[in-house]
PDB file of N, CA and C in Angstrom:
ATOM      1  N   MET A   1      80.759 -22.384  15.389  1.00  0.00           N
ATOM      2  CA  MET A   1      81.547 -21.804  14.213  1.00  0.00           C
ATOM      3  C   MET A   1      81.541 -23.056  13.409  1.00  0.00           C
ATOM      4  N   TYR A   2      82.226 -24.246  13.641  1.00  0.00           N
ATOM      5  CA  TYR A   2      82.625 -25.198  13.019  1.00  0.00           C
ATOM      6  C   TYR A   2      81.267 -26.319  13.227  1.00  0.00           C
ATOM      7  N   ASN A   3      81.427 -27.123  12.293  1.00  0.00           N
ATOM      8  CA  ASN A   3      80.236 -28.506  12.131  1.00  0.00           C
ATOM      9  C   ASN A   3      81.494 -29.822  12.829  1.00  0.00           C
ATOM     10  N   GLU A   4      81.213 -30.857  12.428  1.00  0.00           N
ATOM     11  CA  GLU A   4      82.018 -32.154  12.997  1.00  0.00           C
ATOM     12  C   GLU A   4      83.343 -32.127  11.837  1.00  0.00           C
ATOM     13  N   GLU A   5      84.671 -31.999  12.387  1.00  0.00           N
ATOM     14  CA  GLU A   5      85.596 -32.162  11.580  1.00  0.00           C
ATOM     15  C   GLU A   5      85.604 -33.529  10.693  1.00  0.00           C
ATOM     16  N   GLU A   6      85.856 -33.451  10.026  1.00  0.00           N
ATOM     17  CA  GLU A   6      86.492 -34.870   8.891  1.00  0.00           C
ATOM     18  C   GLU A   6      87.441 -35.238   8.845  1.00  0.00           C
ATOM     19  N   ALA A   7      87.837 -36.481   8.665  1.00  0.00           N
ATOM     20  CA  ALA A   7      88.920 -36.898   8.504  1.00  0.00           C
ATOM     21  C   ALA A   7      89.695 -36.976   7.072  1.00  0.00           C
ATOM     22  N   SER A   8      90.743 -36.132   6.950  1.00  0.00           N
ATOM     23  CA  SER A   8      91.205 -35.893   5.856  1.00  0.00           C
ATOM     24  C   SER A   8      92.488 -35.929   5.786  1.00  0.00           C
ATOM     25  N   ASP A   9      93.020 -36.113   4.754  1.00  0.00           N
ATOM     26  CA  ASP A   9      94.766 -36.000   4.009  1.00  0.00           C
ATOM     27  C   ASP A   9      95.241 -34.719   3.971  1.00  0.00           C
ATOM     28  N   ILE A  10      94.329 -33.628   3.972  1.00  0.00           N
ATOM     29  CA  ILE A  10      94.964 -32.252   3.717  1.00  0.00           C
ATOM     30  C   ILE A  10      95.445 -31.636   4.749  1.00  0.00           C
ATOM     31  N   VAL A  11      95.050 -32.402   5.886  1.00  0.00           N
ATOM     32  CA  VAL A  11      95.420 -31.425   7.034  1.00  0.00           C
ATOM     33  C   VAL A  11      97.103 -31.783   7.543  1.00  0.00           C
ATOM     34  N   GLY A  12      97.508 -30.470   7.705  1.00  0.00           N
ATOM     35  CA  GLY A  12      99.015 -30.802   7.365  1.00  0.00           C
ATOM     36  C   GLY A  12      99.658 -30.126   6.485  1.00  0.00           C
ATOM     37  N   GLU A  13      99.061 -29.842   5.386  1.00  0.00           N
ATOM     38  CA  GLU A  13      99.412 -29.274   4.034  1.00  0.00           C
ATOM     39  C   GLU A  13      99.660 -27.910   4.047  1.00  0.00           C
ATOM     40  N   TYR A  14     100.319 -27.543   3.417  1.00  0.00           N
ATOM     41  CA  TYR A  14     100.698 -25.911   3.288  1.00  0.00           C
ATOM     42  C   TYR A  14      99.840 -25.589   1.866  1.00  0.00           C
ATOM     43  N   CYS A  15      99.329 -24.091   1.960  1.00  0.00           N
ATOM     44  CA  CYS A  15      98.400 -23.815   0.740  1.00  0.00           C
ATOM     45  C   CYS A  15      98.621 -22.232   0.512  1.00  0.00           C
ATOM     46  N   THR A  16      98.297 -21.828  -0.354  1.00  0.00           N
ATOM     47  CA  THR A  16      98.115 -20.533  -0.658  1.00  0.00           C
ATOM     48  C   THR A  16      97.381 -19.852  -0.611  1.00  0.00           C
ATOM     49  N   LEU A  17      96.925 -18.516  -0.063  1.00  0.00           N
ATOM     50  CA  LEU A  17      95.411 -18.100  -0.186  1.00  0.00           C
ATOM     51  C   LEU A  17      95.185 -17.148  -1.484  1.00  0.00           C
ATOM     52  N   LEU A  18      93.904 -17.243  -2.050  1.00  0.00           N
ATOM     53  CA  LEU A  18      93.862 -16.695  -3.236  1.00  0.00           C
ATOM     54  C   LEU A  18      93.503 -15.116  -2.670  1.00  0.00           C
ATOM     55  N   GLU A  19      93.038 -14.591  -1.592  1.00  0.00           N
ATOM     56  CA  GLU A  19      93.082 -13.338  -1.248  1.00  0.00           C
ATOM     57  C   GLU A  19      93.570 -13.207   0.303  1.00  0.00           C
ATOM     58  N   ASP A  20      94.433 -12.333   0.102  1.00  0.00           N
ATOM     59  CA  ASP A  20      95.372 -12.391   1.312  1.00  0.00           C
ATOM     60  C   ASP A  20      94.532 -11.893   2.491  1.00  0.00           C
ATOM     61  N   TYR A  21      95.065 -12.750   3.995  1.00  0.00           N
ATOM     62  CA  TYR A  21      94.627 -12.222   5.111  1.00  0.00           C
ATOM     63  C   TYR A  21      95.270 -11.591   5.772  1.00  0.00           C
ATOM     64  N   LYS A  22      95.288  -9.879   6.025  1.00  0.00           N
ATOM     65  CA  LYS A  22      96.308  -9.174   6.795  1.00  0.00           C
ATOM     66  C   LYS A  22      97.577  -8.880   6.038  1.00  0.00           C
ATOM     67  N   GLY A  23      97.709  -9.256   4.733  1.00  0.00           N
ATOM     68  CA  GLY A  23      99.112  -9.332   4.166  1.00  0.00           C
ATOM     69  C   GLY A  23      99.639 -10.601   3.917  1.00  0.00           C
ATOM     70  N   TYR A  24      99.193 -11.316   4.451  1.00  0.00           N
ATOM     71  CA  TYR A  24      99.823 -12.715   4.594  1.00  0.00           C
ATOM     72  C   TYR A  24      99.001 -13.754   3.877  1.00  0.00           C
ATOM     73  N   THR A  25      99.755 -14.497   2.759  1.00  0.00           N
ATOM     74  CA  THR A  25      99.082 -15.516   1.572  1.00  0.00           C
ATOM     75  C   THR A  25      99.544 -16.961   1.744  1.00  0.00           C
ATOM     76  N   THR A  26     100.163 -17.306   2.702  1.00  0.00           N
ATOM     77  CA  THR A  26     100.552 -18.692   2.900  1.00  0.00           C
ATOM     78  C   THR A  26     100.304 -19.343   4.019  1.00  0.00           C
ATOM     79  N   GLY A  27     100.280 -20.471   4.479  1.00  0.00           N
ATOM     80  CA  GLY A  27      99.505 -20.919   5.687  1.00  0.00           C
ATOM     81  C   GLY A  27      99.571 -22.656   5.403  1.00  0.00           C
ATOM     82  N   GLU A  28      99.334 -23.013   6.519  1.00  0.00           N
ATOM     83  CA  GLU A  28      99.269 -24.554   7.172  1.00  0.00           C
ATOM     84  C   GLU A  28      97.563 -24.796   7.041  1.00  0.00           C
ATOM     85  N   VAL A  29      96.746 -26.230   6.677  1.00  0.00           N
ATOM     86  CA  VAL A  29      95.417 -26.442   6.812  1.00  0.00           C
ATOM     87  C   VAL A  29      95.795 -27.643   8.381  1.00  0.00           C
ATOM     88  N   VAL A  30      94.878 -26.895   8.897  1.00  0.00           N
ATOM     89  CA  VAL A  30      95.192 -27.107  10.385  1.00  0.00           C
ATOM     90  C   VAL A  30      93.397 -27.849  10.844  1.00  0.00           C
ATOM     91  N   GLY A  31      92.629 -27.546   9.825  1.00  0.00           N
ATOM     92  CA  GLY A  31      91.504 -28.588  10.185  1.00  0.00           C
ATOM     93  C   GLY A  31      90.270 -28.341   8.768  1.00  0.00           C
ATOM     94  N   ASP A  32      89.596 -29.791   9.007  1.00  0.00           N
ATOM     95  CA  ASP A  32      88.667 -29.703   7.746  1.00  0.00           C
ATOM     96  C   ASP A  32      87.587 -29.829   8.100  1.00  0.00           C
ATOM     97  N   TYR A  33      86.170 -28.992   7.919  1.00  0.00           N
ATOM     98  CA  TYR A  33      85.152 -29.271   8.048  1.00  0.00           C
ATOM     99  C   TYR A  33      84.495 -29.186   6.761  1.00  0.00           C
ATOM    100  N   GLY A  34      84.658 -30.174   6.024  1.00  0.00           N
ATOM    101  CA  GLY A  34      83.591 -30.181   4.686  1.00  0.00           C
ATOM    102  C   GLY A  34      83.987 -28.839   3.738  1.00  0.00           C
ATOM    103  N   CYS A  35      83.120 -28.176   3.418  1.00  0.00           N
ATOM    104  CA  CYS A  35      83.458 -27.256   2.769  1.00  0.00           C
ATOM    105  C   CYS A  35      84.189 -25.961   3.388  1.00  0.00           C
ATOM    106  N   GLN A  36      84.851 -26.056   4.143  1.00  0.00           N
ATOM    107  CA  GLN A  36      85.464 -25.038   4.912  1.00  0.00           C
ATOM    108  C   GLN A  36      86.680 -25.746   5.437  1.00  0.00           C
ATOM    109  N   LEU A  37      87.742 -24.649   5.528  1.00  0.00           N
ATOM    110  CA  LEU A  37      88.959 -25.369   5.862  1.00  0.00           C
ATOM    111  C   LEU A  37      89.437 -24.650   7.264  1.00  0.00           C
ATOM    112  N   VAL A  38      90.217 -25.045   8.019  1.00  0.00           N
ATOM    113  CA  VAL A  38      90.815 -23.645   9.022  1.00  0.00           C
ATOM    114  C   VAL A  38      92.213 -23.914   8.525  1.00  0.00           C
ATOM    115  N   VAL A  39      92.892 -22.741   8.689  1.00  0.00           N
ATOM    116  CA  VAL A  39      94.222 -22.295   8.063  1.00  0.00           C
ATOM    117  C   VAL A  39      94.770 -21.655   8.667  1.00  0.00           C
ATOM    118  N   LYS A  40      96.104 -22.262   9.265  1.00  0.00           N
ATOM    119  CA  LYS A  40      96.787 -21.060  10.164  1.00  0.00           C
ATOM    120  C   LYS A  40      97.638 -20.651   9.183  1.00  0.00           C
ATOM    121  N   VAL A  41      97.569 -19.432   9.124  1.00  0.00           N
ATOM    122  CA  VAL A  41      98.637 -18.384   8.159  1.00  0.00           C
ATOM    123  C   VAL A  41      99.866 -18.168   9.289  1.00  0.00           C
ATOM    124  N   THR A  42     100.662 -17.749   8.430  1.00  0.00           N
ATOM    125  CA  THR A  42     102.225 -17.567   8.760  1.00  0.00           C
ATOM    126  C   THR A  42     102.158 -16.643  10.022  1.00  0.00           C
ATOM    127  N   SER A  43     101.480 -15.559  10.472  1.00  0.00           N
ATOM    128  CA  SER A  43     101.568 -14.700  11.363  1.00  0.00           C
ATOM    129  C   SER A  43     100.921 -15.610  12.393  1.00  0.00           C
ATOM    130  N   GLY A  44     100.274 -16.946  12.300  1.00  0.00           N
ATOM    131  CA  GLY A  44     100.135 -17.665  13.926  1.00  0.00           C
ATOM    132  C   GLY A  44      98.324 -17.415  14.147  1.00  0.00           C
ATOM    133  N   ALA A  45      97.590 -16.908  12.922  1.00  0.00           N
ATOM    134  CA  ALA A  45      95.843 -16.607  13.070  1.00  0.00           C
ATOM    135  C   ALA A  45      95.577 -17.562  12.829  1.00  0.00           C
ATOM    136  N   GLU A  46      94.565 -18.347  13.026  1.00  0.00           N
ATOM    137  CA  GLU A  46      93.880 -19.281  12.352  1.00  0.00           C
ATOM    138  C   GLU A  46      92.876 -18.603  11.832  1.00  0.00           C
ATOM    139  N   ILE A  47      92.273 -18.487  10.873  1.00  0.00           N
ATOM    140  CA  ILE A  47      91.081 -18.504   9.833  1.00  0.00           C
ATOM    141  C   ILE A  47      90.214 -19.387   8.970  1.00  0.00           C
ATOM    142  N   THR A  48      88.907 -19.408   8.798  1.00  0.00           N
ATOM    143  CA  THR A  48      88.327 -20.339   8.350  1.00  0.00           C
ATOM    144  C   THR A  48      88.119 -19.730   6.631  1.00  0.00           C
ATOM    145  N   VAL A  49      88.275 -20.637   5.708  1.00  0.00           N
ATOM    146  CA  VAL A  49      88.336 -20.306   4.224  1.00  0.00           C
ATOM    147  C   VAL A  49      87.699 -21.514   3.882  1.00  0.00           C
ATOM    148  N   TYR A  50      86.969 -20.918   2.565  1.00  0.00           N
ATOM    149  CA  TYR A  50      86.015 -22.128   1.677  1.00  0.00           C
ATOM    150  C   TYR A  50      87.239 -22.973   1.020  1.00  0.00           C
ATOM    151  N   ARG A  51      87.163 -23.901   0.536  1.00  0.00           N
ATOM    152  CA  ARG A  51      88.357 -24.673  -0.276  1.00  0.00           C
ATOM    153  C   ARG A  51      88.340 -24.145  -1.364  1.00  0.00           C
ATOM    154  N   ASP A  52      87.297 -23.638  -2.250  1.00  0.00           N
ATOM    155  CA  ASP A  52      87.893 -22.930  -3.434  1.00  0.00           C
ATOM    156  C   ASP A  52      88.618 -21.095  -2.860  1.00  0.00           C
ATOM    157  N   GLU A  53      89.125 -20.857  -2.184  1.00  0.00           N
ATOM    158  CA  GLU A  53      89.881 -19.975  -1.744  1.00  0.00           C
ATOM    159  C   GLU A  53      91.068 -20.192  -1.116  1.00  0.00           C
ATOM    160  N   VAL A  54      91.814 -21.520  -1.590  1.00  0.00           N
ATOM    161  CA  VAL A  54      93.013 -21.741  -1.257  1.00  0.00           C
ATOM    162  C   VAL A  54      93.571 -22.865  -2.274  1.00  0.00           C
ATOM    163  N   ILE A  55      94.869 -22.651  -2.394  1.00  0.00           N
ATOM    164  CA  ILE A  55      95.495 -23.828  -3.784  1.00  0.00           C
ATOM    165  C   ILE A  55      96.501 -24.502  -2.963  1.00  0.00           C
ATOM    166  N   LEU A  56      96.217 -25.703  -2.506  1.00  0.00           N
ATOM    167  CA  LEU A  56      97.273 -26.397  -1.930  1.00  0.00           C
ATOM    168  C   LEU A  56      98.245 -26.778  -2.587  1.00  0.00           C
ATOM    169  N   LEU A  57      99.777 -26.884  -1.806  1.00  0.00           N
ATOM    170  CA  LEU A  57     101.279 -27.024  -2.180  1.00  0.00           C
ATOM    171  C   LEU A  57     101.626 -28.174  -1.995  1.00  0.00           C
ATOM    172  N   LYS A  58     101.805 -29.199  -2.835  1.00  0.00           N
ATOM    173  CA  LYS A  58     101.958 -30.788  -2.512  1.00  0.00           C
ATOM    174  C   LYS A  58     103.316 -30.919  -2.970  1.00  0.00           C
TER     175      LYS A  58
END
């Protein structure tokens, strides 16, 4: 499912999903795989999204 995880300074950052996931729109970046990110939404589910599908909250 994932390629090599890249070293990234955005892991641990909070974000907003541009399209909700089962009603949830906020989460935390837990993995960076280049053009895709793994986001843990507030429900606890981990989902894979493309970078352009999230807005980072710094």
